[in-house]
Amino acid sequence: LLGGDALLRADTPPGELPVLEAQRLGLRHTQTQTFPSMLRVGERLK
């Protein structure tokens, strides 16, 4: 349900430390970014 074993959540770019620390400890790691925006398909907006 978390998508992993632990995560850092931030409202500003978290910098390089979390990724570098994950690499040092031999952990698998990835990043995501989430935000609200409008989508448009043809004339429909949502």
All heavy atoms as atom14 arrays in JSON, in Angstrom:
{
  "sequence": "LLGGDALLRADTPPGELPVLEAQRLGLRHTQTQTFPSMLRVGERLK",
  "atom14_mask": [
    [1, 1, 1, 1, 1, 1, 1, 1, 0, 0, 0, 0, 0, 0],
    [1, 1, 1, 1, 1, 1, 1, 1, 0, 0, 0, 0, 0, 0],
    [1, 1, 1, 1, 0, 0, 0, 0, 0, 0, 0, 0, 0, 0],
    [1, 1, 1, 1, 0, 0, 0, 0, 0, 0, 0, 0, 0, 0],
    [1, 1, 1, 1, 1, 1, 1, 1, 0, 0, 0, 0, 0, 0],
    [1, 1, 1, 1, 1, 0, 0, 0, 0, 0, 0, 0, 0, 0],
    [1, 1, 1, 1, 1, 1, 1, 1, 0, 0, 0, 0, 0, 0],
    [1, 1, 1, 1, 1, 1, 1, 1, 0, 0, 0, 0, 0, 0],
    [1, 1, 1, 1, 1, 1, 1, 1, 1, 1, 1, 0, 0, 0],
    [1, 1, 1, 1, 1, 0, 0, 0, 0, 0, 0, 0, 0, 0],
    [1, 1, 1, 1, 1, 1, 1, 1, 0, 0, 0, 0, 0, 0],
    [1, 1, 1, 1, 1, 1, 1, 0, 0, 0, 0, 0, 0, 0],
    [1, 1, 1, 1, 1, 1, 1, 0, 0, 0, 0, 0, 0, 0],
    [1, 1, 1, 1, 1, 1, 1, 0, 0, 0, 0, 0, 0, 0],
    [1, 1, 1, 1, 0, 0, 0, 0, 0, 0, 0, 0, 0, 0],
    [1, 1, 1, 1, 1, 1, 1, 1, 1, 0, 0, 0, 0, 0],
    [1, 1, 1, 1, 1, 1, 1, 1, 0, 0, 0, 0, 0, 0],
    [1, 1, 1, 1, 1, 1, 1, 0, 0, 0, 0, 0, 0, 0],
    [1, 1, 1, 1, 1, 1, 1, 0, 0, 0, 0, 0, 0, 0],
    [1, 1, 1, 1, 1, 1, 1, 1, 0, 0, 0, 0, 0, 0],
    [1, 1, 1, 1, 1, 1, 1, 1, 1, 0, 0, 0, 0, 0],
    [1, 1, 1, 1, 1, 0, 0, 0, 0, 0, 0, 0, 0, 0],
    [1, 1, 1, 1, 1, 1, 1, 1, 1, 0, 0, 0, 0, 0],
    [1, 1, 1, 1, 1, 1, 1, 1, 1, 1, 1, 0, 0, 0],
    [1, 1, 1, 1, 1, 1, 1, 1, 0, 0, 0, 0, 0, 0],
    [1, 1, 1, 1, 0, 0, 0, 0, 0, 0, 0, 0, 0, 0],
    [1, 1, 1, 1, 1, 1, 1, 1, 0, 0, 0, 0, 0, 0],
    [1, 1, 1, 1, 1, 1, 1, 1, 1, 1, 1, 0, 0, 0],
    [1, 1, 1, 1, 1, 1, 1, 1, 1, 1, 0, 0, 0, 0],
    [1, 1, 1, 1, 1, 1, 1, 0, 0, 0, 0, 0, 0, 0],
    [1, 1, 1, 1, 1, 1, 1, 1, 1, 0, 0, 0, 0, 0],
    [1, 1, 1, 1, 1, 1, 1, 0, 0, 0, 0, 0, 0, 0],
    [1, 1, 1, 1, 1, 1, 1, 1, 1, 0, 0, 0, 0, 0],
    [1, 1, 1, 1, 1, 1, 1, 0, 0, 0, 0, 0, 0, 0],
    [1, 1, 1, 1, 1, 1, 1, 1, 1, 1, 1, 0, 0, 0],
    [1, 1, 1, 1, 1, 1, 1, 0, 0, 0, 0, 0, 0, 0],
    [1, 1, 1, 1, 1, 1, 0, 0, 0, 0, 0, 0, 0, 0],
    [1, 1, 1, 1, 1, 1, 1, 1, 0, 0, 0, 0, 0, 0],
    [1, 1, 1, 1, 1, 1, 1, 1, 0, 0, 0, 0, 0, 0],
    [1, 1, 1, 1, 1, 1, 1, 1, 1, 1, 1, 0, 0, 0],
    [1, 1, 1, 1, 1, 1, 1, 0, 0, 0, 0, 0, 0, 0],
    [1, 1, 1, 1, 0, 0, 0, 0, 0, 0, 0, 0, 0, 0],
    [1, 1, 1, 1, 1, 1, 1, 1, 1, 0, 0, 0, 0, 0],
    [1, 1, 1, 1, 1, 1, 1, 1, 1, 1, 1, 0, 0, 0],
    [1, 1, 1, 1, 1, 1, 1, 1, 0, 0, 0, 0, 0, 0],
    [1, 1, 1, 1, 1, 1, 1, 1, 1, 0, 0, 0, 0, 0]
  ],
  "atom14_positions": [
    [[0.81, -1.2, 0.0], [0.0, 0.0, 0.0], [0.85, 1.26, 0.0], [0.38, 2.33, -0.38], [-0.93, 0.01, 1.22], [-2.08, -1.0, 1.17], [-2.86, -0.96, 2.49], [-3.02, -0.71, 0.01], [0.0, 0.0, 0.0], [0.0, 0.0, 0.0], [0.0, 0.0, 0.0], [0.0, 0.0, 0.0], [0.0, 0.0, 0.0], [0.0, 0.0, 0.0]],
    [[2.1, 1.15, 0.42], [3.02, 2.28, 0.35], [3.75, 2.33, -0.98], [4.28, 3.37, -1.35], [4.06, 2.18, 1.47], [3.64, 2.57, 2.89], [4.8, 2.34, 3.83], [3.19, 4.01, 2.94], [0.0, 0.0, 0.0], [0.0, 0.0, 0.0], [0.0, 0.0, 0.0], [0.0, 0.0, 0.0], [0.0, 0.0, 0.0], [0.0, 0.0, 0.0]],
    [[3.79, 1.22, -1.69], [4.61, 1.15, -2.9], [6.06, 0.82, -2.6], [6.88, 0.74, -3.51], [0.0, 0.0, 0.0], [0.0, 0.0, 0.0], [0.0, 0.0, 0.0], [0.0, 0.0, 0.0], [0.0, 0.0, 0.0], [0.0, 0.0, 0.0], [0.0, 0.0, 0.0], [0.0, 0.0, 0.0], [0.0, 0.0, 0.0], [0.0, 0.0, 0.0]],
    [[6.38, 0.62, -1.33], [7.75, 0.3, -0.92], [7.77, 0.01, 0.57], [6.73, -0.15, 1.2], [0.0, 0.0, 0.0], [0.0, 0.0, 0.0], [0.0, 0.0, 0.0], [0.0, 0.0, 0.0], [0.0, 0.0, 0.0], [0.0, 0.0, 0.0], [0.0, 0.0, 0.0], [0.0, 0.0, 0.0], [0.0, 0.0, 0.0], [0.0, 0.0, 0.0]],
    [[8.97, -0.04, 1.15], [9.09, -0.31, 2.58], [9.09, 0.98, 3.41], [8.72, 0.97, 4.58], [10.38, -1.1, 2.87], [10.33, -2.48, 2.24], [9.22, -3.0, 2.03], [11.41, -3.05, 1.96], [0.0, 0.0, 0.0], [0.0, 0.0, 0.0], [0.0, 0.0, 0.0], [0.0, 0.0, 0.0], [0.0, 0.0, 0.0], [0.0, 0.0, 0.0]],
    [[9.52, 2.07, 2.82], [9.52, 3.37, 3.49], [9.62, 4.43, 2.41], [10.05, 4.16, 1.28], [10.68, 3.5, 4.47], [0.0, 0.0, 0.0], [0.0, 0.0, 0.0], [0.0, 0.0, 0.0], [0.0, 0.0, 0.0], [0.0, 0.0, 0.0], [0.0, 0.0, 0.0], [0.0, 0.0, 0.0], [0.0, 0.0, 0.0], [0.0, 0.0, 0.0]],
    [[9.22, 5.65, 2.76], [9.3, 6.72, 1.77], [9.49, 8.06, 2.46], [9.13, 8.24, 3.62], [8.05, 6.74, 0.88], [6.69, 6.97, 1.52], [6.37, 8.47, 1.6], [5.6, 6.26, 0.74], [0.0, 0.0, 0.0], [0.0, 0.0, 0.0], [0.0, 0.0, 0.0], [0.0, 0.0, 0.0], [0.0, 0.0, 0.0], [0.0, 0.0, 0.0]],
    [[10.06, 8.98, 1.7], [10.17, 10.37, 2.11], [9.15, 11.16, 1.31], [9.18, 11.14, 0.08], [11.58, 10.9, 1.85], [11.76, 12.41, 2.0], [11.56, 12.83, 3.45], [13.13, 12.85, 1.5], [0.0, 0.0, 0.0], [0.0, 0.0, 0.0], [0.0, 0.0, 0.0], [0.0, 0.0, 0.0], [0.0, 0.0, 0.0], [0.0, 0.0, 0.0]],
    [[8.26, 11.84, 2.0], [7.26, 12.68, 1.34], [7.64, 14.14, 1.58], [7.93, 14.54, 2.71], [5.86, 12.39, 1.9], [4.74, 13.09, 1.14], [3.4, 12.84, 1.83], [3.06, 11.44, 1.85], [2.41, 10.82, 0.86], [2.06, 11.5, -0.21], [2.11, 9.53, 0.97], [0.0, 0.0, 0.0], [0.0, 0.0, 0.0], [0.0, 0.0, 0.0]],
    [[7.6, 14.94, 0.52], [8.03, 16.33, 0.63], [7.19, 17.2, -0.28], [6.71, 16.75, -1.32], [9.51, 16.47, 0.28], [0.0, 0.0, 0.0], [0.0, 0.0, 0.0], [0.0, 0.0, 0.0], [0.0, 0.0, 0.0], [0.0, 0.0, 0.0], [0.0, 0.0, 0.0], [0.0, 0.0, 0.0], [0.0, 0.0, 0.0], [0.0, 0.0, 0.0]],
    [[7.03, 18.47, 0.11], [6.33, 19.42, -0.75], [7.29, 20.34, -1.49], [6.88, 21.28, -2.17], [5.32, 20.24, 0.05], [5.94, 20.94, 1.25], [7.19, 21.06, 1.29], [5.2, 21.38, 2.15], [0.0, 0.0, 0.0], [0.0, 0.0, 0.0], [0.0, 0.0, 0.0], [0.0, 0.0, 0.0], [0.0, 0.0, 0.0], [0.0, 0.0, 0.0]],
    [[8.6, 20.07, -1.35], [9.64, 20.73, -2.14], [10.63, 19.66, -2.59], [10.69, 18.58, -1.99], [10.38, 21.79, -1.3], [10.92, 21.17, -0.12], [9.44, 22.92, -0.91], [0.0, 0.0, 0.0], [0.0, 0.0, 0.0], [0.0, 0.0, 0.0], [0.0, 0.0, 0.0], [0.0, 0.0, 0.0], [0.0, 0.0, 0.0], [0.0, 0.0, 0.0]],
    [[11.42, 19.89, -3.63], [12.39, 18.88, -4.07], [13.26, 18.41, -2.91], [13.85, 19.23, -2.19], [13.21, 19.62, -5.14], [12.26, 20.64, -5.69], [11.43, 21.08, -4.51], [0.0, 0.0, 0.0], [0.0, 0.0, 0.0], [0.0, 0.0, 0.0], [0.0, 0.0, 0.0], [0.0, 0.0, 0.0], [0.0, 0.0, 0.0], [0.0, 0.0, 0.0]],
    [[13.36, 17.1, -2.67], [14.04, 16.59, -1.47], [15.56, 16.6, -1.54], [16.22, 16.28, -0.55], [13.51, 15.15, -1.38], [13.19, 14.79, -2.79], [12.7, 16.04, -3.45], [0.0, 0.0, 0.0], [0.0, 0.0, 0.0], [0.0, 0.0, 0.0], [0.0, 0.0, 0.0], [0.0, 0.0, 0.0], [0.0, 0.0, 0.0], [0.0, 0.0, 0.0]],
    [[16.14, 16.93, -2.69], [17.59, 16.93, -2.79], [18.15, 15.55, -3.07], [17.42, 14.58, -3.3], [0.0, 0.0, 0.0], [0.0, 0.0, 0.0], [0.0, 0.0, 0.0], [0.0, 0.0, 0.0], [0.0, 0.0, 0.0], [0.0, 0.0, 0.0], [0.0, 0.0, 0.0], [0.0, 0.0, 0.0], [0.0, 0.0, 0.0], [0.0, 0.0, 0.0]],
    [[19.47, 15.43, -3.02], [20.15, 14.18, -3.39], [20.39, 13.24, -2.23], [20.66, 12.06, -2.44], [21.49, 14.5, -4.06], [21.39, 15.29, -5.35], [22.73, 15.55, -5.98], [23.75, 15.2, -5.33], [22.79, 16.06, -7.11], [0.0, 0.0, 0.0], [0.0, 0.0, 0.0], [0.0, 0.0, 0.0], [0.0, 0.0, 0.0], [0.0, 0.0, 0.0]],
    [[20.29, 13.71, -0.99], [20.64, 12.88, 0.17], [19.84, 11.59, 0.23], [20.42, 10.51, 0.44], [20.47, 13.68, 1.46], [20.69, 12.88, 2.75], [22.12, 12.35, 2.82], [20.38, 13.74, 3.98], [0.0, 0.0, 0.0], [0.0, 0.0, 0.0], [0.0, 0.0, 0.0], [0.0, 0.0, 0.0], [0.0, 0.0, 0.0], [0.0, 0.0, 0.0]],
    [[18.5, 11.6, 0.08], [17.76, 10.33, 0.19], [18.2, 9.28, -0.82], [18.33, 8.1, -0.49], [16.31, 10.77, -0.06], [16.27, 12.2, 0.32], [17.59, 12.75, -0.09], [0.0, 0.0, 0.0], [0.0, 0.0, 0.0], [0.0, 0.0, 0.0], [0.0, 0.0, 0.0], [0.0, 0.0, 0.0], [0.0, 0.0, 0.0], [0.0, 0.0, 0.0]],
    [[18.47, 9.71, -2.05], [18.89, 8.76, -3.08], [20.31, 8.26, -2.81], [20.6, 7.06, -2.91], [18.8, 9.41, -4.48], [19.41, 8.49, -5.53], [17.35, 9.71, -4.82], [0.0, 0.0, 0.0], [0.0, 0.0, 0.0], [0.0, 0.0, 0.0], [0.0, 0.0, 0.0], [0.0, 0.0, 0.0], [0.0, 0.0, 0.0], [0.0, 0.0, 0.0]],
    [[21.21, 9.17, -2.44], [22.58, 8.77, -2.16], [22.65, 7.81, -0.98], [23.41, 6.84, -0.98], [23.44, 10.01, -1.89], [23.66, 10.96, -3.07], [24.46, 12.17, -2.64], [24.35, 10.23, -4.22], [0.0, 0.0, 0.0], [0.0, 0.0, 0.0], [0.0, 0.0, 0.0], [0.0, 0.0, 0.0], [0.0, 0.0, 0.0], [0.0, 0.0, 0.0]],
    [[21.84, 8.06, 0.03], [21.82, 7.19, 1.21], [21.25, 5.82, 0.85], [21.74, 4.79, 1.33], [20.98, 7.84, 2.31], [21.12, 7.18, 3.68], [22.5, 7.33, 4.27], [23.23, 8.26, 3.86], [22.86, 6.51, 5.14], [0.0, 0.0, 0.0], [0.0, 0.0, 0.0], [0.0, 0.0, 0.0], [0.0, 0.0, 0.0], [0.0, 0.0, 0.0]],
    [[20.23, 5.78, 0.0], [19.68, 4.5, -0.45], [20.72, 3.72, -1.25], [20.85, 2.49, -1.08], [18.43, 4.74, -1.29], [0.0, 0.0, 0.0], [0.0, 0.0, 0.0], [0.0, 0.0, 0.0], [0.0, 0.0, 0.0], [0.0, 0.0, 0.0], [0.0, 0.0, 0.0], [0.0, 0.0, 0.0], [0.0, 0.0, 0.0], [0.0, 0.0, 0.0]],
    [[21.47, 4.39, -2.09], [22.53, 3.72, -2.86], [23.61, 3.19, -1.94], [24.11, 2.08, -2.14], [23.11, 4.69, -3.89], [22.14, 5.08, -4.99], [22.69, 6.15, -5.91], [23.65, 6.86, -5.56], [22.09, 6.31, -7.08], [0.0, 0.0, 0.0], [0.0, 0.0, 0.0], [0.0, 0.0, 0.0], [0.0, 0.0, 0.0], [0.0, 0.0, 0.0]],
    [[23.98, 3.96, -0.95], [25.01, 3.53, -0.01], [24.6, 2.27, 0.75], [25.43, 1.38, 1.0], [25.33, 4.66, 0.97], [26.47, 4.34, 1.93], [26.67, 5.47, 2.93], [25.58, 5.54, 3.89], [25.5, 4.78, 4.99], [26.44, 3.87, 5.25], [24.49, 4.92, 5.82], [0.0, 0.0, 0.0], [0.0, 0.0, 0.0], [0.0, 0.0, 0.0]],
    [[23.32, 2.17, 1.09], [22.82, 1.03, 1.87], [22.37, -0.13, 1.0], [21.91, -1.14, 1.51], [21.66, 1.49, 2.76], [22.02, 2.49, 3.87], [20.76, 3.07, 4.5], [22.89, 1.82, 4.92], [0.0, 0.0, 0.0], [0.0, 0.0, 0.0], [0.0, 0.0, 0.0], [0.0, 0.0, 0.0], [0.0, 0.0, 0.0], [0.0, 0.0, 0.0]],
    [[22.47, 0.02, -0.31], [22.09, -1.06, -1.21], [20.59, -1.26, -1.33], [20.14, -2.38, -1.6], [0.0, 0.0, 0.0], [0.0, 0.0, 0.0], [0.0, 0.0, 0.0], [0.0, 0.0, 0.0], [0.0, 0.0, 0.0], [0.0, 0.0, 0.0], [0.0, 0.0, 0.0], [0.0, 0.0, 0.0], [0.0, 0.0, 0.0], [0.0, 0.0, 0.0]],
    [[19.82, -0.2, -1.16], [18.37, -0.29, -1.25], [17.9, 0.04, -2.66], [18.47, 0.89, -3.34], [17.7, 0.68, -0.27], [17.94, 0.42, 1.22], [17.41, 1.57, 2.04], [17.27, -0.88, 1.64], [0.0, 0.0, 0.0], [0.0, 0.0, 0.0], [0.0, 0.0, 0.0], [0.0, 0.0, 0.0], [0.0, 0.0, 0.0], [0.0, 0.0, 0.0]],
    [[16.83, -0.63, -3.09], [16.16, -0.23, -4.31], [15.42, 1.08, -4.06], [14.88, 1.27, -2.97], [15.19, -1.3, -4.78], [15.87, -2.61, -5.19], [14.87, -3.61, -5.73], [13.97, -4.06, -4.67], [12.66, -4.15, -4.78], [12.07, -3.79, -5.91], [11.91, -4.59, -3.78], [0.0, 0.0, 0.0], [0.0, 0.0, 0.0], [0.0, 0.0, 0.0]],
    [[15.39, 1.94, -5.03], [14.77, 3.24, -4.81], [14.18, 3.78, -6.11], [14.62, 3.42, -7.21], [15.78, 4.24, -4.24], [16.98, 4.46, -5.14], [17.0, 5.4, -6.14], [18.18, 3.82, -5.2], [18.16, 5.36, -6.76], [18.9, 4.41, -6.22], [0.0, 0.0, 0.0], [0.0, 0.0, 0.0], [0.0, 0.0, 0.0], [0.0, 0.0, 0.0]],
    [[13.19, 4.64, -5.98], [12.59, 5.31, -7.11], [11.92, 6.58, -6.6], [11.85, 6.81, -5.39], [11.57, 4.4, -7.83], [11.12, 5.06, -9.02], [10.37, 4.13, -6.95], [0.0, 0.0, 0.0], [0.0, 0.0, 0.0], [0.0, 0.0, 0.0], [0.0, 0.0, 0.0], [0.0, 0.0, 0.0], [0.0, 0.0, 0.0], [0.0, 0.0, 0.0]],
    [[11.41, 7.39, -7.53], [10.79, 8.65, -7.15], [9.48, 8.84, -7.91], [9.31, 8.31, -9.01], [11.72, 9.84, -7.46], [13.07, 9.77, -6.75], [13.91, 11.0, -6.99], [13.45, 12.14, -6.81], [15.16, 10.79, -7.37], [0.0, 0.0, 0.0], [0.0, 0.0, 0.0], [0.0, 0.0, 0.0], [0.0, 0.0, 0.0], [0.0, 0.0, 0.0]],
    [[8.58, 9.59, -7.31], [7.33, 9.98, -7.97], [7.05, 11.44, -7.65], [7.53, 11.98, -6.65], [6.13, 9.13, -7.52], [5.82, 9.44, -6.15], [6.42, 7.64, -7.64], [0.0, 0.0, 0.0], [0.0, 0.0, 0.0], [0.0, 0.0, 0.0], [0.0, 0.0, 0.0], [0.0, 0.0, 0.0], [0.0, 0.0, 0.0], [0.0, 0.0, 0.0]],
    [[6.28, 12.07, -8.53], [5.81, 13.44, -8.3], [4.32, 13.48, -8.62], [3.9, 12.97, -9.66], [6.58, 14.43, -9.15], [8.07, 14.49, -8.82], [8.82, 15.51, -9.65], [8.25, 16.5, -10.11], [10.12, 15.26, -9.87], [0.0, 0.0, 0.0], [0.0, 0.0, 0.0], [0.0, 0.0, 0.0], [0.0, 0.0, 0.0], [0.0, 0.0, 0.0]],
    [[3.55, 14.09, -7.74], [2.09, 14.11, -7.87], [1.59, 15.55, -7.77], [2.06, 16.3, -6.92], [1.43, 13.26, -6.78], [1.98, 11.94, -6.8], [-0.07, 13.18, -6.98], [0.0, 0.0, 0.0], [0.0, 0.0, 0.0], [0.0, 0.0, 0.0], [0.0, 0.0, 0.0], [0.0, 0.0, 0.0], [0.0, 0.0, 0.0], [0.0, 0.0, 0.0]],
    [[0.64, 15.9, -8.64], [0.1, 17.26, -8.62], [-1.24, 17.28, -9.34], [-1.52, 16.42, -10.19], [1.07, 18.23, -9.3], [1.42, 17.85, -10.7], [0.72, 18.39, -11.78], [2.43, 16.94, -10.96], [1.04, 18.03, -13.09], [2.75, 16.58, -12.27], [2.05, 17.12, -13.33], [0.0, 0.0, 0.0], [0.0, 0.0, 0.0], [0.0, 0.0, 0.0]],
    [[-2.1, 18.25, -9.02], [-3.38, 18.38, -9.73], [-3.21, 19.17, -11.02], [-2.44, 20.14, -11.08], [-4.25, 19.13, -8.72], [-3.27, 19.97, -7.95], [-1.99, 19.18, -7.89], [0.0, 0.0, 0.0], [0.0, 0.0, 0.0], [0.0, 0.0, 0.0], [0.0, 0.0, 0.0], [0.0, 0.0, 0.0], [0.0, 0.0, 0.0], [0.0, 0.0, 0.0]],
    [[-3.93, 18.78, -12.04], [-3.9, 19.52, -13.31], [-5.11, 19.1, -14.14], [-5.76, 18.08, -13.86], [-2.61, 19.24, -14.07], [-2.56, 20.01, -15.27], [0.0, 0.0, 0.0], [0.0, 0.0, 0.0], [0.0, 0.0, 0.0], [0.0, 0.0, 0.0], [0.0, 0.0, 0.0], [0.0, 0.0, 0.0], [0.0, 0.0, 0.0], [0.0, 0.0, 0.0]],
    [[-5.39, 19.88, -15.17], [-6.49, 19.58, -16.07], [-6.01, 18.63, -17.17], [-4.91, 18.78, -17.7], [-7.03, 20.86, -16.7], [-7.57, 21.87, -15.69], [-8.98, 21.26, -14.74], [-10.22, 21.14, -16.03], [0.0, 0.0, 0.0], [0.0, 0.0, 0.0], [0.0, 0.0, 0.0], [0.0, 0.0, 0.0], [0.0, 0.0, 0.0], [0.0, 0.0, 0.0]],
    [[-6.87, 17.68, -17.52], [-6.65, 16.82, -18.68], [-7.69, 17.17, -19.74], [-8.84, 17.5, -19.41], [-6.78, 15.34, -18.29], [-5.72, 14.75, -17.37], [-5.98, 13.26, -17.17], [-4.32, 14.97, -17.91], [0.0, 0.0, 0.0], [0.0, 0.0, 0.0], [0.0, 0.0, 0.0], [0.0, 0.0, 0.0], [0.0, 0.0, 0.0], [0.0, 0.0, 0.0]],
    [[-7.28, 17.05, -20.98], [-8.21, 17.37, -22.07], [-8.18, 16.26, -23.1], [-7.11, 15.85, -23.56], [-7.84, 18.7, -22.72], [-8.74, 19.08, -23.89], [-8.39, 20.43, -24.43], [-9.25, 20.78, -25.56], [-9.19, 21.94, -26.2], [-8.32, 22.87, -25.81], [-9.99, 22.18, -27.21], [0.0, 0.0, 0.0], [0.0, 0.0, 0.0], [0.0, 0.0, 0.0]],
    [[-9.37, 15.77, -23.43], [-9.54, 14.79, -24.5], [-10.62, 15.35, -25.42], [-11.79, 15.42, -25.04], [-9.95, 13.4, -23.97], [-10.15, 12.43, -25.12], [-8.89, 12.86, -23.0], [0.0, 0.0, 0.0], [0.0, 0.0, 0.0], [0.0, 0.0, 0.0], [0.0, 0.0, 0.0], [0.0, 0.0, 0.0], [0.0, 0.0, 0.0], [0.0, 0.0, 0.0]],
    [[-10.21, 15.77, -26.62], [-11.16, 16.43, -27.51], [-11.62, 17.74, -26.91], [-10.81, 18.62, -26.6], [0.0, 0.0, 0.0], [0.0, 0.0, 0.0], [0.0, 0.0, 0.0], [0.0, 0.0, 0.0], [0.0, 0.0, 0.0], [0.0, 0.0, 0.0], [0.0, 0.0, 0.0], [0.0, 0.0, 0.0], [0.0, 0.0, 0.0], [0.0, 0.0, 0.0]],
    [[-12.91, 17.88, -26.68], [-13.46, 19.09, -26.07], [-13.75, 18.92, -24.59], [-14.24, 19.84, -23.95], [-14.75, 19.49, -26.81], [-14.54, 19.81, -28.28], [-13.57, 20.97, -28.48], [-13.62, 21.93, -27.68], [-12.77, 20.9, -29.43], [0.0, 0.0, 0.0], [0.0, 0.0, 0.0], [0.0, 0.0, 0.0], [0.0, 0.0, 0.0], [0.0, 0.0, 0.0]],
    [[-13.45, 17.74, -24.05], [-13.76, 17.48, -22.64], [-12.56, 17.81, -21.76], [-11.43, 17.44, -22.07], [-14.16, 16.02, -22.43], [-15.55, 15.68, -22.97], [-15.87, 14.22, -22.69], [-17.25, 13.91, -23.02], [-18.26, 13.98, -22.17], [-18.03, 14.35, -20.92], [-19.48, 13.67, -22.54], [0.0, 0.0, 0.0], [0.0, 0.0, 0.0], [0.0, 0.0, 0.0]],
    [[-12.83, 18.49, -20.64], [-11.81, 18.85, -19.66], [-12.18, 18.24, -18.31], [-13.36, 18.17, -17.95], [-11.7, 20.37, -19.51], [-11.07, 21.13, -20.68], [-11.25, 22.62, -20.47], [-9.6, 20.79, -20.83], [0.0, 0.0, 0.0], [0.0, 0.0, 0.0], [0.0, 0.0, 0.0], [0.0, 0.0, 0.0], [0.0, 0.0, 0.0], [0.0, 0.0, 0.0]],
    [[-11.15, 17.83, -17.56], [-11.41, 17.23, -16.25], [-10.2, 17.49, -15.35], [-9.06, 17.24, -15.72], [-11.64, 15.72, -16.38], [-11.97, 15.03, -15.06], [-13.31, 15.42, -14.52], [-13.68, 14.65, -13.27], [-14.97, 15.07, -12.7], [0.0, 0.0, 0.0], [0.0, 0.0, 0.0], [0.0, 0.0, 0.0], [0.0, 0.0, 0.0], [0.0, 0.0, 0.0]]
  ]
}
